Amino acid sequence: MRTGDISQGQQIETTFFLTPRKKVRVVLGWIDPDIFRPRRSGGKTLVNDLDLKVIDPSGNAALPYVLDPNHPDVAATRGVNSVDNMEEVEIAMPDRDIIA
């Protein structure tokens, strides 16, 4: 687990190794002051919109899961999440060692 602060426009990169055939989840979560107020009608609720992606050595990016707020019963897809203050990337079963 890693904690810390980040400034507007700043990026943080972390290197880690994945063992073949082991599932891994990378989660980014933060306290956002606006999530504790009622949702503005039709407006964005996040004050701080952080983005998570996991990039393998070949440059392939795995993006977090995103739910469609208009169809919450539909399975999540992968994409840029600009709604939630927690983002998760899951890598199911890498077929080889990956440095990400």
PDB file of N, CA and C in Angstrom:
ATOM      1  N   MET A   1       0.844  -1.163   0.000  1.00  0.00           N
ATOM      2  CA  MET A   1       0.000   0.000   0.000  1.00  0.00           C
ATOM      3  C   MET A   1       0.892   1.229   0.000  1.00  0.00           C
ATOM      4  N   ARG A   2       0.427   2.234  -0.740  1.00  0.00           N
ATOM      5  CA  ARG A   2       1.172   3.489  -0.834  1.00  0.00           C
ATOM      6  C   ARG A   2       0.203   4.631  -0.604  1.00  0.00           C
ATOM      7  N   THR A   3       0.600   5.606   0.182  1.00  0.00           N
ATOM      8  CA  THR A   3      -0.225   6.792   0.403  1.00  0.00           C
ATOM      9  C   THR A   3       0.618   8.025   0.123  1.00  0.00           C
ATOM     10  N   GLY A   4      -0.048   9.133  -0.165  1.00  0.00           N
ATOM     11  CA  GLY A   4       0.689  10.365  -0.405  1.00  0.00           C
ATOM     12  C   GLY A   4      -0.203  11.438  -0.981  1.00  0.00           C
ATOM     13  N   ASP A   5       0.397  12.537  -1.305  1.00  0.00           N
ATOM     14  CA  ASP A   5      -0.304  13.675  -1.883  1.00  0.00           C
ATOM     15  C   ASP A   5       0.111  13.829  -3.336  1.00  0.00           C
ATOM     16  N   ILE A   6      -0.770  14.445  -4.115  1.00  0.00           N
ATOM     17  CA  ILE A   6      -0.473  14.712  -5.525  1.00  0.00           C
ATOM     18  C   ILE A   6      -1.020  16.096  -5.858  1.00  0.00           C
ATOM     19  N   SER A   7      -0.322  16.809  -6.713  1.00  0.00           N
ATOM     20  CA  SER A   7      -0.718  18.160  -7.111  1.00  0.00           C
ATOM     21  C   SER A   7      -1.321  18.144  -8.510  1.00  0.00           C
ATOM     22  N   GLN A   8      -2.034  19.214  -8.859  1.00  0.00           N
ATOM     23  CA  GLN A   8      -2.637  19.364 -10.175  1.00  0.00           C
ATOM     24  C   GLN A   8      -1.598  19.124 -11.263  1.00  0.00           C
ATOM     25  N   GLY A   9      -1.895  18.232 -12.194  1.00  0.00           N
ATOM     26  CA  GLY A   9      -1.012  17.968 -13.322  1.00  0.00           C
ATOM     27  C   GLY A   9       0.125  17.005 -13.027  1.00  0.00           C
ATOM     28  N   GLN A  10       0.309  16.612 -11.789  1.00  0.00           N
ATOM     29  CA  GLN A  10       1.399  15.716 -11.404  1.00  0.00           C
ATOM     30  C   GLN A  10       1.042  14.275 -11.738  1.00  0.00           C
ATOM     31  N   GLN A  11       2.034  13.484 -12.114  1.00  0.00           N
ATOM     32  CA  GLN A  11       1.865  12.057 -12.350  1.00  0.00           C
ATOM     33  C   GLN A  11       2.761  11.290 -11.396  1.00  0.00           C
ATOM     34  N   ILE A  12       2.284  10.159 -10.943  1.00  0.00           N
ATOM     35  CA  ILE A  12       3.098   9.288 -10.101  1.00  0.00           C
ATOM     36  C   ILE A  12       3.202   7.938 -10.797  1.00  0.00           C
ATOM     37  N   GLU A  13       4.416   7.443 -10.946  1.00  0.00           N
ATOM     38  CA  GLU A  13       4.642   6.137 -11.555  1.00  0.00           C
ATOM     39  C   GLU A  13       5.244   5.210 -10.523  1.00  0.00           C
ATOM     40  N   THR A  14       4.773   3.977 -10.508  1.00  0.00           N
ATOM     41  CA  THR A  14       5.285   2.959  -9.605  1.00  0.00           C
ATOM     42  C   THR A  14       5.560   1.700 -10.413  1.00  0.00           C
ATOM     43  N   THR A  15       6.692   1.094 -10.201  1.00  0.00           N
ATOM     44  CA  THR A  15       7.039  -0.151 -10.893  1.00  0.00           C
ATOM     45  C   THR A  15       6.754  -1.321  -9.975  1.00  0.00           C
ATOM     46  N   PHE A  16       6.128  -2.361 -10.521  1.00  0.00           N
ATOM     47  CA  PHE A  16       5.918  -3.583  -9.759  1.00  0.00           C
ATOM     48  C   PHE A  16       5.967  -4.764 -10.702  1.00  0.00           C
ATOM     49  N   PHE A  17       6.177  -5.942 -10.150  1.00  0.00           N
ATOM     50  CA  PHE A  17       6.320  -7.171 -10.921  1.00  0.00           C
ATOM     51  C   PHE A  17       5.132  -8.074 -10.658  1.00  0.00           C
ATOM     52  N   LEU A  18       4.568  -8.640 -11.713  1.00  0.00           N
ATOM     53  CA  LEU A  18       3.465  -9.577 -11.593  1.00  0.00           C
ATOM     54  C   LEU A  18       3.976 -10.978 -11.898  1.00  0.00           C
ATOM     55  N   THR A  19       3.563 -11.923 -11.085  1.00  0.00           N
ATOM     56  CA  THR A  19       3.930 -13.313 -11.291  1.00  0.00           C
ATOM     57  C   THR A  19       2.918 -13.958 -12.227  1.00  0.00           C
ATOM     58  N   PRO A  20       3.371 -14.786 -13.161  1.00  0.00           N
ATOM     59  CA  PRO A  20       2.440 -15.421 -14.085  1.00  0.00           C
ATOM     60  C   PRO A  20       1.332 -16.182 -13.352  1.00  0.00           C
ATOM     61  N   ARG A  21       0.145 -16.119 -13.934  1.00  0.00           N
ATOM     62  CA  ARG A  21      -1.021 -16.864 -13.463  1.00  0.00           C
ATOM     63  C   ARG A  21      -1.472 -16.479 -12.059  1.00  0.00           C
ATOM     64  N   LYS A  22      -1.222 -15.244 -11.653  1.00  0.00           N
ATOM     65  CA  LYS A  22      -1.704 -14.709 -10.376  1.00  0.00           C
ATOM     66  C   LYS A  22      -2.498 -13.441 -10.656  1.00  0.00           C
ATOM     67  N   LYS A  23      -3.732 -13.404 -10.175  1.00  0.00           N
ATOM     68  CA  LYS A  23      -4.569 -12.215 -10.378  1.00  0.00           C
ATOM     69  C   LYS A  23      -4.048 -11.067  -9.513  1.00  0.00           C
ATOM     70  N   VAL A  24      -4.118  -9.860 -10.060  1.00  0.00           N
ATOM     71  CA  VAL A  24      -3.709  -8.678  -9.304  1.00  0.00           C
ATOM     72  C   VAL A  24      -4.750  -7.579  -9.517  1.00  0.00           C
ATOM     73  N   ARG A  25      -4.999  -6.828  -8.474  1.00  0.00           N
ATOM     74  CA  ARG A  25      -5.873  -5.656  -8.542  1.00  0.00           C
ATOM     75  C   ARG A  25      -5.086  -4.447  -8.066  1.00  0.00           C
ATOM     76  N   VAL A  26      -5.137  -3.391  -8.861  1.00  0.00           N
ATOM     77  CA  VAL A  26      -4.509  -2.127  -8.503  1.00  0.00           C
ATOM     78  C   VAL A  26      -5.654  -1.147  -8.252  1.00  0.00           C
ATOM     79  N   VAL A  27      -5.682  -0.559  -7.060  1.00  0.00           N
ATOM     80  CA  VAL A  27      -6.784   0.321  -6.671  1.00  0.00           C
ATOM     81  C   VAL A  27      -6.236   1.688  -6.297  1.00  0.00           C
ATOM     82  N   LEU A  28      -6.884   2.718  -6.810  1.00  0.00           N
ATOM     83  CA  LEU A  28      -6.579   4.104  -6.459  1.00  0.00           C
ATOM     84  C   LEU A  28      -7.833   4.684  -5.824  1.00  0.00           C
ATOM     85  N   GLY A  29      -7.713   5.168  -4.606  1.00  0.00           N
ATOM     86  CA  GLY A  29      -8.855   5.771  -3.928  1.00  0.00           C
ATOM     87  C   GLY A  29      -8.424   7.035  -3.210  1.00  0.00           C
ATOM     88  N   TRP A  30      -9.338   7.988  -3.127  1.00  0.00           N
ATOM     89  CA  TRP A  30      -9.030   9.242  -2.465  1.00  0.00           C
ATOM     90  C   TRP A  30     -10.295   9.834  -1.866  1.00  0.00           C
ATOM     91  N   ILE A  31     -10.094  10.697  -0.885  1.00  0.00           N
ATOM     92  CA  ILE A  31     -11.211  11.414  -0.276  1.00  0.00           C
ATOM     93  C   ILE A  31     -11.432  12.674  -1.099  1.00  0.00           C
ATOM     94  N   ASP A  32     -12.621  12.802  -1.631  1.00  0.00           N
ATOM     95  CA  ASP A  32     -12.958  13.943  -2.465  1.00  0.00           C
ATOM     96  C   ASP A  32     -14.001  14.772  -1.733  1.00  0.00           C
ATOM     97  N   PRO A  33     -13.757  16.057  -1.513  1.00  0.00           N
ATOM     98  CA  PRO A  33     -14.683  16.841  -0.683  1.00  0.00           C
ATOM     99  C   PRO A  33     -16.103  16.906  -1.225  1.00  0.00           C
ATOM    100  N   ASP A  34     -16.274  16.808  -2.531  1.00  0.00           N
ATOM    101  CA  ASP A  34     -17.605  16.973  -3.104  1.00  0.00           C
ATOM    102  C   ASP A  34     -18.488  15.733  -2.961  1.00  0.00           C
ATOM    103  N   ILE A  35     -17.933  14.566  -2.693  1.00  0.00           N
ATOM    104  CA  ILE A  35     -18.759  13.363  -2.633  1.00  0.00           C
ATOM    105  C   ILE A  35     -19.654  13.358  -1.403  1.00  0.00           C
ATOM    106  N   PHE A  36     -19.399  14.222  -0.444  1.00  0.00           N
ATOM    107  CA  PHE A  36     -20.208  14.273   0.768  1.00  0.00           C
ATOM    108  C   PHE A  36     -21.374  15.248   0.659  1.00  0.00           C
ATOM    109  N   ARG A  37     -21.477  15.981  -0.470  1.00  0.00           N
ATOM    110  CA  ARG A  37     -22.584  16.900  -0.702  1.00  0.00           C
ATOM    111  C   ARG A  37     -23.558  16.241  -1.667  1.00  0.00           C
ATOM    112  N   PRO A  38     -24.809  16.668  -1.649  1.00  0.00           N
ATOM    113  CA  PRO A  38     -25.779  16.106  -2.603  1.00  0.00           C
ATOM    114  C   PRO A  38     -25.313  16.310  -4.041  1.00  0.00           C
ATOM    115  N   ARG A  39     -25.586  15.319  -4.879  1.00  0.00           N
ATOM    116  CA  ARG A  39     -25.216  15.383  -6.294  1.00  0.00           C
ATOM    117  C   ARG A  39     -25.974  16.521  -6.976  1.00  0.00           C
ATOM    118  N   ARG A  40     -25.238  17.352  -7.665  1.00  0.00           N
ATOM    119  CA  ARG A  40     -25.878  18.418  -8.444  1.00  0.00           C
ATOM    120  C   ARG A  40     -26.567  17.786  -9.640  1.00  0.00           C
ATOM    121  N   SER A  41     -27.722  18.262  -9.990  1.00  0.00           N
ATOM    122  CA  SER A  41     -28.477  17.635 -11.075  1.00  0.00           C
ATOM    123  C   SER A  41     -27.707  17.738 -12.385  1.00  0.00           C
ATOM    124  N   GLY A  42     -27.375  16.573 -12.929  1.00  0.00           N
ATOM    125  CA  GLY A  42     -26.697  16.504 -14.212  1.00  0.00           C
ATOM    126  C   GLY A  42     -25.257  16.963 -14.200  1.00  0.00           C
ATOM    127  N   GLY A  43     -24.741  17.404 -13.070  1.00  0.00           N
ATOM    128  CA  GLY A  43     -23.379  17.922 -13.025  1.00  0.00           C
ATOM    129  C   GLY A  43     -22.378  16.901 -12.509  1.00  0.00           C
ATOM    130  N   LYS A  44     -21.136  17.184 -12.733  1.00  0.00           N
ATOM    131  CA  LYS A  44     -20.053  16.331 -12.256  1.00  0.00           C
ATOM    132  C   LYS A  44     -19.915  16.518 -10.751  1.00  0.00           C
ATOM    133  N   THR A  45     -19.730  15.428 -10.010  1.00  0.00           N
ATOM    134  CA  THR A  45     -19.655  15.536  -8.565  1.00  0.00           C
ATOM    135  C   THR A  45     -18.229  15.563  -8.029  1.00  0.00           C
ATOM    136  N   LEU A  46     -17.249  15.095  -8.800  1.00  0.00           N
ATOM    137  CA  LEU A  46     -15.873  15.080  -8.303  1.00  0.00           C
ATOM    138  C   LEU A  46     -15.235  16.464  -8.360  1.00  0.00           C
ATOM    139  N   VAL A  47     -14.494  16.794  -7.314  1.00  0.00           N
ATOM    140  CA  VAL A  47     -13.656  17.987  -7.326  1.00  0.00           C
ATOM    141  C   VAL A  47     -12.279  17.604  -7.853  1.00  0.00           C
ATOM    142  N   ASN A  48     -11.768  16.471  -7.377  1.00  0.00           N
ATOM    143  CA  ASN A  48     -10.454  15.963  -7.772  1.00  0.00           C
ATOM    144  C   ASN A  48     -10.666  14.686  -8.585  1.00  0.00           C
ATOM    145  N   ASP A  49     -10.375  14.742  -9.874  1.00  0.00           N
ATOM    146  CA  ASP A  49     -10.574  13.594 -10.752  1.00  0.00           C
ATOM    147  C   ASP A  49      -9.225  12.983 -11.083  1.00  0.00           C
ATOM    148  N   LEU A  50      -8.844  11.953 -10.337  1.00  0.00           N
ATOM    149  CA  LEU A  50      -7.600  11.252 -10.587  1.00  0.00           C
ATOM    150  C   LEU A  50      -7.867  10.116 -11.571  1.00  0.00           C
ATOM    151  N   ASP A  51      -6.854   9.710 -12.313  1.00  0.00           N
ATOM    152  CA  ASP A  51      -7.008   8.640 -13.290  1.00  0.00           C
ATOM    153  C   ASP A  51      -5.939   7.582 -13.064  1.00  0.00           C
ATOM    154  N   LEU A  52      -6.351   6.336 -13.162  1.00  0.00           N
ATOM    155  CA  LEU A  52      -5.466   5.199 -12.968  1.00  0.00           C
ATOM    156  C   LEU A  52      -5.352   4.422 -14.262  1.00  0.00           C
ATOM    157  N   LYS A  53      -4.142   4.007 -14.608  1.00  0.00           N
ATOM    158  CA  LYS A  53      -3.947   3.051 -15.686  1.00  0.00           C
ATOM    159  C   LYS A  53      -2.674   2.274 -15.393  1.00  0.00           C
ATOM    160  N   VAL A  54      -2.673   1.013 -15.801  1.00  0.00           N
ATOM    161  CA  VAL A  54      -1.513   0.144 -15.627  1.00  0.00           C
ATOM    162  C   VAL A  54      -0.956  -0.117 -17.020  1.00  0.00           C
ATOM    163  N   ILE A  55       0.323   0.177 -17.198  1.00  0.00           N
ATOM    164  CA  ILE A  55       0.967   0.040 -18.508  1.00  0.00           C
ATOM    165  C   ILE A  55       2.015  -1.054 -18.430  1.00  0.00           C
ATOM    166  N   ASP A  56       1.926  -2.022 -19.348  1.00  0.00           N
ATOM    167  CA  ASP A  56       2.916  -3.103 -19.352  1.00  0.00           C
ATOM    168  C   ASP A  56       4.158  -2.670 -20.122  1.00  0.00           C
ATOM    169  N   PRO A  57       5.233  -3.466 -20.084  1.00  0.00           N
ATOM    170  CA  PRO A  57       6.482  -3.066 -20.744  1.00  0.00           C
ATOM    171  C   PRO A  57       6.340  -2.839 -22.250  1.00  0.00           C
ATOM    172  N   SER A  58       5.318  -3.427 -22.867  1.00  0.00           N
ATOM    173  CA  SER A  58       5.100  -3.238 -24.305  1.00  0.00           C
ATOM    174  C   SER A  58       4.315  -1.969 -24.605  1.00  0.00           C
ATOM    175  N   GLY A  59       3.863  -1.258 -23.556  1.00  0.00           N
ATOM    176  CA  GLY A  59       3.114  -0.028 -23.749  1.00  0.00           C
ATOM    177  C   GLY A  59       1.606  -0.208 -23.775  1.00  0.00           C
ATOM    178  N   ASN A  60       1.119  -1.431 -23.544  1.00  0.00           N
ATOM    179  CA  ASN A  60      -0.325  -1.678 -23.501  1.00  0.00           C
ATOM    180  C   ASN A  60      -0.879  -1.191 -22.170  1.00  0.00           C
ATOM    181  N   ALA A  61      -1.979  -0.442 -22.217  1.00  0.00           N
ATOM    182  CA  ALA A  61      -2.568   0.115 -21.006  1.00  0.00           C
ATOM    183  C   ALA A  61      -3.823  -0.644 -20.613  1.00  0.00           C
ATOM    184  N   ALA A  62      -3.956  -0.940 -19.327  1.00  0.00           N
ATOM    185  CA  ALA A  62      -5.182  -1.509 -18.760  1.00  0.00           C
ATOM    186  C   ALA A  62      -5.859  -0.387 -17.987  1.00  0.00           C
ATOM    187  N   LEU A  63      -7.106  -0.098 -18.345  1.00  0.00           N
ATOM    188  CA  LEU A  63      -7.851   0.988 -17.719  1.00  0.00           C
ATOM    189  C   LEU A  63      -8.801   0.436 -16.665  1.00  0.00           C
ATOM    190  N   PRO A  64      -9.285   1.306 -15.781  1.00  0.00           N
ATOM    191  CA  PRO A  64     -10.186   0.849 -14.718  1.00  0.00           C
ATOM    192  C   PRO A  64     -11.580   0.498 -15.239  1.00  0.00           C
ATOM    193  N   TYR A  65     -12.320  -0.169 -14.373  1.00  0.00           N
ATOM    194  CA  TYR A  65     -13.709  -0.492 -14.678  1.00  0.00           C
ATOM    195  C   TYR A  65     -14.568   0.759 -14.540  1.00  0.00           C
ATOM    196  N   VAL A  66     -15.586   0.878 -15.412  1.00  0.00           N
ATOM    197  CA  VAL A  66     -16.499   2.015 -15.405  1.00  0.00           C
ATOM    198  C   VAL A  66     -17.922   1.486 -15.548  1.00  0.00           C
ATOM    199  N   LEU A  67     -18.806   1.936 -14.669  1.00  0.00           N
ATOM    200  CA  LEU A  67     -20.221   1.598 -14.776  1.00  0.00           C
ATOM    201  C   LEU A  67     -20.944   2.684 -15.563  1.00  0.00           C
ATOM    202  N   ASP A  68     -21.959   2.302 -16.289  1.00  0.00           N
ATOM    203  CA  ASP A  68     -22.803   3.253 -16.998  1.00  0.00           C
ATOM    204  C   ASP A  68     -23.910   3.691 -16.044  1.00  0.00           C
ATOM    205  N   PRO A  69     -23.909   4.960 -15.582  1.00  0.00           N
ATOM    206  CA  PRO A  69     -24.917   5.393 -14.606  1.00  0.00           C
ATOM    207  C   PRO A  69     -26.349   5.319 -15.147  1.00  0.00           C
ATOM    208  N   ASN A  70     -26.512   5.337 -16.465  1.00  0.00           N
ATOM    209  CA  ASN A  70     -27.838   5.233 -17.060  1.00  0.00           C
ATOM    210  C   ASN A  70     -28.320   3.788 -17.174  1.00  0.00           C
ATOM    211  N   HIS A  71     -27.382   2.833 -17.046  1.00  0.00           N
ATOM    212  CA  HIS A  71     -27.705   1.412 -17.130  1.00  0.00           C
ATOM    213  C   HIS A  71     -26.908   0.656 -16.055  1.00  0.00           C
ATOM    214  N   PRO A  72     -27.208   0.856 -14.777  1.00  0.00           N
ATOM    215  CA  PRO A  72     -26.406   0.258 -13.705  1.00  0.00           C
ATOM    216  C   PRO A  72     -26.466  -1.267 -13.657  1.00  0.00           C
ATOM    217  N   ASP A  73     -27.412  -1.870 -14.358  1.00  0.00           N
ATOM    218  CA  ASP A  73     -27.516  -3.327 -14.368  1.00  0.00           C
ATOM    219  C   ASP A  73     -26.598  -3.976 -15.403  1.00  0.00           C
ATOM    220  N   VAL A  74     -25.990  -3.176 -16.268  1.00  0.00           N
ATOM    221  CA  VAL A  74     -25.080  -3.672 -17.295  1.00  0.00           C
ATOM    222  C   VAL A  74     -23.679  -3.821 -16.686  1.00  0.00           C
ATOM    223  N   ALA A  75     -22.974  -4.864 -17.087  1.00  0.00           N
ATOM    224  CA  ALA A  75     -21.621  -5.108 -16.570  1.00  0.00           C
ATOM    225  C   ALA A  75     -20.701  -3.921 -16.870  1.00  0.00           C
ATOM    226  N   ALA A  76     -19.776  -3.689 -15.974  1.00  0.00           N
ATOM    227  CA  ALA A  76     -18.806  -2.607 -16.149  1.00  0.00           C
ATOM    228  C   ALA A  76     -17.906  -2.887 -17.343  1.00  0.00           C
ATOM    229  N   THR A  77     -17.474  -1.817 -17.981  1.00  0.00           N
ATOM    230  CA  THR A  77     -16.510  -1.912 -19.069  1.00  0.00           C
ATOM    231  C   THR A  77     -15.245  -1.189 -18.623  1.00  0.00           C
ATOM    232  N   ARG A  78     -14.216  -1.234 -19.437  1.00  0.00           N
ATOM    233  CA  ARG A  78     -12.975  -0.518 -19.103  1.00  0.00           C
ATOM    234  C   ARG A  78     -12.939   0.816 -19.830  1.00  0.00           C
ATOM    235  N   GLY A  79     -12.465   1.831 -19.129  1.00  0.00           N
ATOM    236  CA  GLY A  79     -12.364   3.154 -19.733  1.00  0.00           C
ATOM    237  C   GLY A  79     -11.907   4.168 -18.711  1.00  0.00           C
ATOM    238  N   VAL A  80     -11.952   5.435 -19.065  1.00  0.00           N
ATOM    239  CA  VAL A  80     -11.580   6.524 -18.166  1.00  0.00           C
ATOM    240  C   VAL A  80     -12.763   6.781 -17.241  1.00  0.00           C
ATOM    241  N   ASN A  81     -12.513   6.705 -15.946  1.00  0.00           N
ATOM    242  CA  ASN A  81     -13.564   6.900 -14.955  1.00  0.00           C
ATOM    243  C   ASN A  81     -13.476   8.326 -14.424  1.00  0.00           C
ATOM    244  N   SER A  82     -14.493   9.130 -14.707  1.00  0.00           N
ATOM    245  CA  SER A  82     -14.499  10.515 -14.222  1.00  0.00           C
ATOM    246  C   SER A  82     -15.663  10.747 -13.264  1.00  0.00           C
ATOM    247  N   VAL A  83     -16.188   9.661 -12.678  1.00  0.00           N
ATOM    248  CA  VAL A  83     -17.355   9.747 -11.805  1.00  0.00           C
ATOM    249  C   VAL A  83     -17.029   9.359 -10.365  1.00  0.00           C
ATOM    250  N   ASP A  84     -16.156   8.384 -10.178  1.00  0.00           N
ATOM    251  CA  ASP A  84     -15.926   7.808  -8.854  1.00  0.00           C
ATOM    252  C   ASP A  84     -14.614   8.269  -8.238  1.00  0.00           C
ATOM    253  N   ASN A  85     -14.552   8.190  -6.899  1.00  0.00           N
ATOM    254  CA  ASN A  85     -13.313   8.518  -6.194  1.00  0.00           C
ATOM    255  C   ASN A  85     -12.531   7.253  -5.841  1.00  0.00           C
ATOM    256  N   MET A  86     -12.845   6.165  -6.501  1.00  0.00           N
ATOM    257  CA  MET A  86     -12.084   4.925  -6.384  1.00  0.00           C
ATOM    258  C   MET A  86     -12.066   4.270  -7.756  1.00  0.00           C
ATOM    259  N   GLU A  87     -10.869   3.914  -8.214  1.00  0.00           N
ATOM    260  CA  GLU A  87     -10.710   3.268  -9.510  1.00  0.00           C
ATOM    261  C   GLU A  87      -9.943   1.971  -9.310  1.00  0.00           C
ATOM    262  N   GLU A  88     -10.311   0.935 -10.075  1.00  0.00           N
ATOM    263  CA  GLU A  88      -9.687  -0.383  -9.933  1.00  0.00           C
ATOM    264  C   GLU A  88      -9.339  -0.954 -11.302  1.00  0.00           C
ATOM    265  N   VAL A  89      -8.107  -1.406 -11.429  1.00  0.00           N
ATOM    266  CA  VAL A  89      -7.660  -2.142 -12.613  1.00  0.00           C
ATOM    267  C   VAL A  89      -7.376  -3.557 -12.153  1.00  0.00           C
ATOM    268  N   GLU A  90      -7.962  -4.517 -12.847  1.00  0.00           N
ATOM    269  CA  GLU A  90      -7.717  -5.928 -12.529  1.00  0.00           C
ATOM    270  C   GLU A  90      -7.014  -6.575 -13.707  1.00  0.00           C
ATOM    271  N   ILE A  91      -5.943  -7.278 -13.411  1.00  0.00           N
ATOM    272  CA  ILE A  91      -5.233  -8.057 -14.417  1.00  0.00           C
ATOM    273  C   ILE A  91      -5.424  -9.503 -14.008  1.00  0.00           C
ATOM    274  N   ALA A  92      -6.220 -10.230 -14.791  1.00  0.00           N
ATOM    275  CA  ALA A  92      -6.716 -11.541 -14.379  1.00  0.00           C
ATOM    276  C   ALA A  92      -5.606 -12.577 -14.233  1.00  0.00           C
ATOM    277  N   MET A  93      -4.932 -12.902 -15.292  1.00  0.00           N
ATOM    278  CA  MET A  93      -3.940 -13.967 -15.244  1.00  0.00           C
ATOM    279  C   MET A  93      -2.842 -13.679 -16.258  1.00  0.00           C
ATOM    280  N   PRO A  94      -1.845 -12.878 -15.904  1.00  0.00           N
ATOM    281  CA  PRO A  94      -0.796 -12.625 -16.884  1.00  0.00           C
ATOM    282  C   PRO A  94      -0.126 -13.946 -17.264  1.00  0.00           C
ATOM    283  N   ASP A  95       0.202 -14.083 -18.553  1.00  0.00           N
ATOM    284  CA  ASP A  95       0.780 -15.337 -19.015  1.00  0.00           C
ATOM    285  C   ASP A  95       2.309 -15.359 -18.898  1.00  0.00           C
ATOM    286  N   ARG A  96       2.857 -14.294 -18.375  1.00  0.00           N
ATOM    287  CA  ARG A  96       4.309 -14.219 -18.186  1.00  0.00           C
ATOM    288  C   ARG A  96       4.592 -13.155 -17.140  1.00  0.00           C
ATOM    289  N   ASP A  97       5.844 -13.062 -16.696  1.00  0.00           N
ATOM    290  CA  ASP A  97       6.202 -11.987 -15.776  1.00  0.00           C
ATOM    291  C   ASP A  97       5.997 -10.664 -16.480  1.00  0.00           C
ATOM    292  N   ILE A  98       5.404  -9.724 -15.773  1.00  0.00           N
ATOM    293  CA  ILE A  98       5.164  -8.386 -16.324  1.00  0.00           C
ATOM    294  C   ILE A  98       5.718  -7.373 -15.351  1.00  0.00           C
ATOM    295  N   ILE A  99       6.453  -6.420 -15.877  1.00  0.00           N
ATOM    296  CA  ILE A  99       6.879  -5.281 -15.084  1.00  0.00           C
ATOM    297  C   ILE A  99       5.956  -4.151 -15.487  1.00  0.00           C
ATOM    298  N   ALA A 100       5.209  -3.620 -14.552  1.00  0.00           N
ATOM    299  CA  ALA A 100       4.247  -2.575 -14.901  1.00  0.00           C
ATOM    300  C   ALA A 100       4.577  -1.308 -14.150  1.00  0.00           C
TER     301      ALA A 100
END
